[in-house]
Amino acid sequence: MRIVRLAEAPDLIPAWDRFVAGHKHGWFFHTSAWLAYQRAYRAENVDESFAVLSGNGAVVAVVSSTGACEAVAVDSCGCLARPEAWV
């Protein structure tokens, strides 16, 4: 497993959006389009989003955050969690 910041890996965007679209708890606010809108809407919004990749490079979890609101994670098991709840 490894963690990759979305802002540092634009080639990850298609896999990110496929993961969100195919996830039962994924919604528009997890997509790269929403993240881009948030950055364009407010100059102070910084993309802090990241994906967790498996050993073979598949996206197994995403955390979308621009500083505009609380980050919410969606993992491959269907769990939603706020970062402060992570162990």
C-alpha atoms as a PDB file:
ATOM      1  CA  MET A   1       0.000   0.000   0.000  1.00  0.00           C
ATOM      2  CA  ARG A   2       1.068   3.548  -0.653  1.00  0.00           C
ATOM      3  CA  ILE A   3      -0.448   6.999  -0.370  1.00  0.00           C
ATOM      4  CA  VAL A   4      -0.398   9.343  -3.370  1.00  0.00           C
ATOM      5  CA  ARG A   5      -1.470  12.992  -3.335  1.00  0.00           C
ATOM      6  CA  LEU A   6      -3.826  13.691  -6.218  1.00  0.00           C
ATOM      7  CA  ALA A   7      -2.232  17.091  -6.896  1.00  0.00           C
ATOM      8  CA  GLU A   8       1.111  15.359  -7.473  1.00  0.00           C
ATOM      9  CA  ALA A   9      -0.282  12.617  -9.722  1.00  0.00           C
ATOM     10  CA  PRO A  10      -2.692  14.036 -12.333  1.00  0.00           C
ATOM     11  CA  ASP A  11      -2.445  10.727 -14.235  1.00  0.00           C
ATOM     12  CA  LEU A  12      -4.343   9.186 -11.298  1.00  0.00           C
ATOM     13  CA  ILE A  13      -7.483  11.274 -12.001  1.00  0.00           C
ATOM     14  CA  PRO A  14      -9.234   8.743 -14.312  1.00  0.00           C
ATOM     15  CA  ALA A  15      -8.714   5.891 -11.813  1.00  0.00           C
ATOM     16  CA  TRP A  16      -9.818   8.196  -8.962  1.00  0.00           C
ATOM     17  CA  ASP A  17     -13.064   9.091 -10.722  1.00  0.00           C
ATOM     18  CA  ARG A  18     -13.741   5.463 -11.734  1.00  0.00           C
ATOM     19  CA  PHE A  19     -13.295   4.408  -8.115  1.00  0.00           C
ATOM     20  CA  VAL A  20     -15.698   7.116  -6.903  1.00  0.00           C
ATOM     21  CA  ALA A  21     -18.266   6.368  -9.647  1.00  0.00           C
ATOM     22  CA  GLY A  22     -18.194   2.652  -8.905  1.00  0.00           C
ATOM     23  CA  HIS A  23     -18.367   2.967  -5.142  1.00  0.00           C
ATOM     24  CA  LYS A  24     -21.749   2.706  -3.425  1.00  0.00           C
ATOM     25  CA  HIS A  25     -20.836   5.627  -1.131  1.00  0.00           C
ATOM     26  CA  GLY A  26     -19.069   7.707  -3.782  1.00  0.00           C
ATOM     27  CA  TRP A  27     -20.760  10.934  -4.784  1.00  0.00           C
ATOM     28  CA  PHE A  28     -20.040  14.095  -6.759  1.00  0.00           C
ATOM     29  CA  PHE A  29     -18.238  15.757  -3.855  1.00  0.00           C
ATOM     30  CA  HIS A  30     -15.547  13.049  -4.045  1.00  0.00           C
ATOM     31  CA  THR A  31     -14.835  13.596  -7.764  1.00  0.00           C
ATOM     32  CA  SER A  32     -11.876  15.354  -9.295  1.00  0.00           C
ATOM     33  CA  ALA A  33     -14.329  17.763 -10.994  1.00  0.00           C
ATOM     34  CA  TRP A  34     -15.586  18.967  -7.604  1.00  0.00           C
ATOM     35  CA  LEU A  35     -12.025  19.327  -6.319  1.00  0.00           C
ATOM     36  CA  ALA A  36     -11.111  21.415  -9.378  1.00  0.00           C
ATOM     37  CA  TYR A  37     -14.175  23.597  -8.855  1.00  0.00           C
ATOM     38  CA  GLN A  38     -13.251  24.152  -5.203  1.00  0.00           C
ATOM     39  CA  ARG A  39      -9.725  25.249  -6.150  1.00  0.00           C
ATOM     40  CA  ALA A  40     -11.071  27.607  -8.840  1.00  0.00           C
ATOM     41  CA  TYR A  41     -13.770  29.026  -6.561  1.00  0.00           C
ATOM     42  CA  ARG A  42     -11.434  30.065  -3.750  1.00  0.00           C
ATOM     43  CA  ALA A  43      -7.765  30.841  -4.143  1.00  0.00           C
ATOM     44  CA  GLU A  44      -7.071  29.717  -0.568  1.00  0.00           C
ATOM     45  CA  ASN A  45      -8.383  26.197  -1.236  1.00  0.00           C
ATOM     46  CA  VAL A  46      -5.476  23.815  -1.632  1.00  0.00           C
ATOM     47  CA  ASP A  47      -5.999  20.285  -2.881  1.00  0.00           C
ATOM     48  CA  GLU A  48      -4.962  18.020  -0.020  1.00  0.00           C
ATOM     49  CA  SER A  49      -6.700  14.982  -1.486  1.00  0.00           C
ATOM     50  CA  PHE A  50      -4.979  11.635  -1.624  1.00  0.00           C
ATOM     51  CA  ALA A  51      -5.573   8.064  -2.704  1.00  0.00           C
ATOM     52  CA  VAL A  52      -4.448   4.850  -1.107  1.00  0.00           C
ATOM     53  CA  LEU A  53      -3.137   2.453  -3.727  1.00  0.00           C
ATOM     54  CA  SER A  54      -2.728  -1.299  -3.403  1.00  0.00           C
ATOM     55  CA  GLY A  55       0.516  -3.053  -4.199  1.00  0.00           C
ATOM     56  CA  ASN A  56      -0.531  -3.386  -7.846  1.00  0.00           C
ATOM     57  CA  GLY A  57      -1.463   0.314  -8.082  1.00  0.00           C
ATOM     58  CA  ALA A  58      -5.245  -0.021  -7.835  1.00  0.00           C
ATOM     59  CA  VAL A  59      -7.117   2.698  -5.945  1.00  0.00           C
ATOM     60  CA  VAL A  60      -8.517   1.195  -2.731  1.00  0.00           C
ATOM     61  CA  ALA A  61      -9.491   4.406  -0.908  1.00  0.00           C
ATOM     62  CA  VAL A  62      -9.769   8.132  -1.578  1.00  0.00           C
ATOM     63  CA  VAL A  63      -9.811  11.157   0.678  1.00  0.00           C
ATOM     64  CA  SER A  64     -11.031  14.342  -0.982  1.00  0.00           C
ATOM     65  CA  SER A  65     -10.139  17.571   0.775  1.00  0.00           C
ATOM     66  CA  THR A  66      -9.514  21.133  -0.357  1.00  0.00           C
ATOM     67  CA  GLY A  67      -9.704  22.764   3.025  1.00  0.00           C
ATOM     68  CA  ALA A  68     -13.190  24.030   2.121  1.00  0.00           C
ATOM     69  CA  CYS A  69     -14.850  21.587   4.492  1.00  0.00           C
ATOM     70  CA  GLU A  70     -14.076  18.478   6.511  1.00  0.00           C
ATOM     71  CA  ALA A  71     -12.354  15.709   4.635  1.00  0.00           C
ATOM     72  CA  VAL A  72     -14.392  12.548   4.238  1.00  0.00           C
ATOM     73  CA  ALA A  73     -12.874   9.251   3.193  1.00  0.00           C
ATOM     74  CA  VAL A  74     -14.440   6.464   1.195  1.00  0.00           C
ATOM     75  CA  ASP A  75     -12.640   3.146   1.188  1.00  0.00           C
ATOM     76  CA  SER A  76     -13.146  -0.017  -0.839  1.00  0.00           C
ATOM     77  CA  CYS A  77     -15.125  -1.610   2.009  1.00  0.00           C
ATOM     78  CA  GLY A  78     -17.787   1.084   1.869  1.00  0.00           C
ATOM     79  CA  CYS A  79     -16.670   2.871   5.004  1.00  0.00           C
ATOM     80  CA  LEU A  80     -17.043   6.582   5.465  1.00  0.00           C
ATOM     81  CA  ALA A  81     -14.834   8.141   8.122  1.00  0.00           C
ATOM     82  CA  ARG A  82     -13.668  11.535   9.216  1.00  0.00           C
ATOM     83  CA  PRO A  83      -9.864  11.758   9.562  1.00  0.00           C
ATOM     84  CA  GLU A  84     -10.053  12.360  13.310  1.00  0.00           C
ATOM     85  CA  ALA A  85     -11.718   8.949  13.622  1.00  0.00           C
ATOM     86  CA  TRP A  86      -8.867   7.135  11.870  1.00  0.00           C
ATOM     87  CA  VAL A  87      -6.539   5.015  13.943  1.00  0.00           C
END
